[in-house]
């Protein structure tokens, strides 16, 4: 079998590095999407707790009056 040229070896290394970088970029993008979804869910929970607190405060004021 013929010996690989230095150019072929360099091209393989460059291609492998690009593949690793691409994979890492996809992982980061996926993590960003998941974080955005989690933030939206937490925001909804905070809004629900806020409403509950307002109702409780209203009931407490009424009970103390």
C-alpha atoms as a PDB file:
ATOM      1  CA  UNK A   1       0.000   0.000   0.000  1.00  0.00           C
ATOM      2  CA  UNK A   2       1.244   3.466  -0.828  1.00  0.00           C
ATOM      3  CA  UNK A   3       2.447   5.753   1.913  1.00  0.00           C
ATOM      4  CA  UNK A   4       0.142   8.674   2.717  1.00  0.00           C
ATOM      5  CA  UNK A   5       1.465  12.076   1.831  1.00  0.00           C
ATOM      6  CA  UNK A   6       1.952  14.776   4.407  1.00  0.00           C
ATOM      7  CA  UNK A   7      -0.816  16.750   2.733  1.00  0.00           C
ATOM      8  CA  UNK A   8      -3.270  13.857   3.170  1.00  0.00           C
ATOM      9  CA  UNK A   9      -2.295  13.498   6.826  1.00  0.00           C
ATOM     10  CA  UNK A  10      -2.764  17.219   7.411  1.00  0.00           C
ATOM     11  CA  UNK A  11      -6.147  17.162   5.677  1.00  0.00           C
ATOM     12  CA  UNK A  12      -7.286  14.279   7.909  1.00  0.00           C
ATOM     13  CA  UNK A  13      -6.222  16.144  11.035  1.00  0.00           C
ATOM     14  CA  UNK A  14      -7.987  19.302   9.899  1.00  0.00           C
ATOM     15  CA  UNK A  15     -11.150  17.369   9.061  1.00  0.00           C
ATOM     16  CA  UNK A  16     -11.131  15.625  12.441  1.00  0.00           C
ATOM     17  CA  UNK A  17     -10.670  18.928  14.276  1.00  0.00           C
ATOM     18  CA  UNK A  18     -13.530  20.491  12.318  1.00  0.00           C
ATOM     19  CA  UNK A  19     -15.750  17.521  13.174  1.00  0.00           C
ATOM     20  CA  UNK A  20     -14.995  17.844  16.872  1.00  0.00           C
ATOM     21  CA  UNK A  21     -15.658  21.589  16.800  1.00  0.00           C
ATOM     22  CA  UNK A  22     -18.930  21.062  14.939  1.00  0.00           C
ATOM     23  CA  UNK A  23     -20.064  18.436  17.447  1.00  0.00           C
ATOM     24  CA  UNK A  24     -19.241  20.742  20.362  1.00  0.00           C
ATOM     25  CA  UNK A  25     -21.136  23.612  18.705  1.00  0.00           C
ATOM     26  CA  UNK A  26     -24.216  21.422  18.350  1.00  0.00           C
ATOM     27  CA  UNK A  27     -23.981  20.398  22.013  1.00  0.00           C
ATOM     28  CA  UNK A  28     -23.745  24.029  23.119  1.00  0.00           C
ATOM     29  CA  UNK A  29     -26.705  25.021  20.943  1.00  0.00           C
ATOM     30  CA  UNK A  30     -28.783  22.146  22.316  1.00  0.00           C
ATOM     31  CA  UNK A  31     -27.911  23.152  25.888  1.00  0.00           C
ATOM     32  CA  UNK A  32     -28.936  26.741  25.127  1.00  0.00           C
ATOM     33  CA  UNK A  33     -32.344  25.620  23.847  1.00  0.00           C
ATOM     34  CA  UNK A  34     -32.897  23.472  26.930  1.00  0.00           C
ATOM     35  CA  UNK A  35     -31.893  26.334  29.227  1.00  0.00           C
ATOM     36  CA  UNK A  36     -34.358  28.621  27.466  1.00  0.00           C
ATOM     37  CA  UNK A  37     -37.178  26.094  27.962  1.00  0.00           C
ATOM     38  CA  UNK A  38     -36.274  25.648  31.623  1.00  0.00           C
ATOM     39  CA  UNK A  39     -36.212  29.412  32.135  1.00  0.00           C
ATOM     40  CA  UNK A  40     -39.690  29.714  30.606  1.00  0.00           C
ATOM     41  CA  UNK A  41     -40.992  26.974  32.920  1.00  0.00           C
ATOM     42  CA  UNK A  42     -39.473  28.628  35.980  1.00  0.00           C
ATOM     43  CA  UNK A  43     -40.922  31.960  34.912  1.00  0.00           C
ATOM     44  CA  UNK A  44     -44.386  30.376  34.763  1.00  0.00           C
ATOM     45  CA  UNK A  45     -43.945  28.920  38.240  1.00  0.00           C
ATOM     46  CA  UNK A  46     -42.893  32.316  39.592  1.00  0.00           C
ATOM     47  CA  UNK A  47     -45.997  33.919  38.083  1.00  0.00           C
ATOM     48  CA  UNK A  48     -48.210  31.268  39.692  1.00  0.00           C
ATOM     49  CA  UNK A  49     -46.563  31.822  43.078  1.00  0.00           C
ATOM     50  CA  UNK A  50     -46.987  35.572  42.680  1.00  0.00           C
ATOM     51  CA  UNK A  51     -50.728  35.141  42.087  1.00  0.00           C
ATOM     52  CA  UNK A  52     -51.005  32.818  45.060  1.00  0.00           C
ATOM     53  CA  UNK A  53     -49.188  35.327  47.270  1.00  0.00           C
ATOM     54  CA  UNK A  54     -51.522  38.118  46.163  1.00  0.00           C
ATOM     55  CA  UNK A  55     -54.580  35.999  46.985  1.00  0.00           C
ATOM     56  CA  UNK A  56     -53.153  35.050  50.370  1.00  0.00           C
ATOM     57  CA  UNK A  57     -52.332  38.669  51.197  1.00  0.00           C
ATOM     58  CA  UNK A  58     -55.834  39.712  50.201  1.00  0.00           C
ATOM     59  CA  UNK A  59     -57.388  37.006  52.435  1.00  0.00           C
ATOM     60  CA  UNK A  60     -55.120  37.980  55.324  1.00  0.00           C
ATOM     61  CA  UNK A  61     -56.057  41.653  55.037  1.00  0.00           C
ATOM     62  CA  UNK A  62     -59.731  40.695  54.965  1.00  0.00           C
ATOM     63  CA  UNK A  63     -59.319  38.440  58.031  1.00  0.00           C
ATOM     64  CA  UNK A  64     -57.503  41.151  59.975  1.00  0.00           C
ATOM     65  CA  UNK A  65     -60.008  43.872  59.077  1.00  0.00           C
END
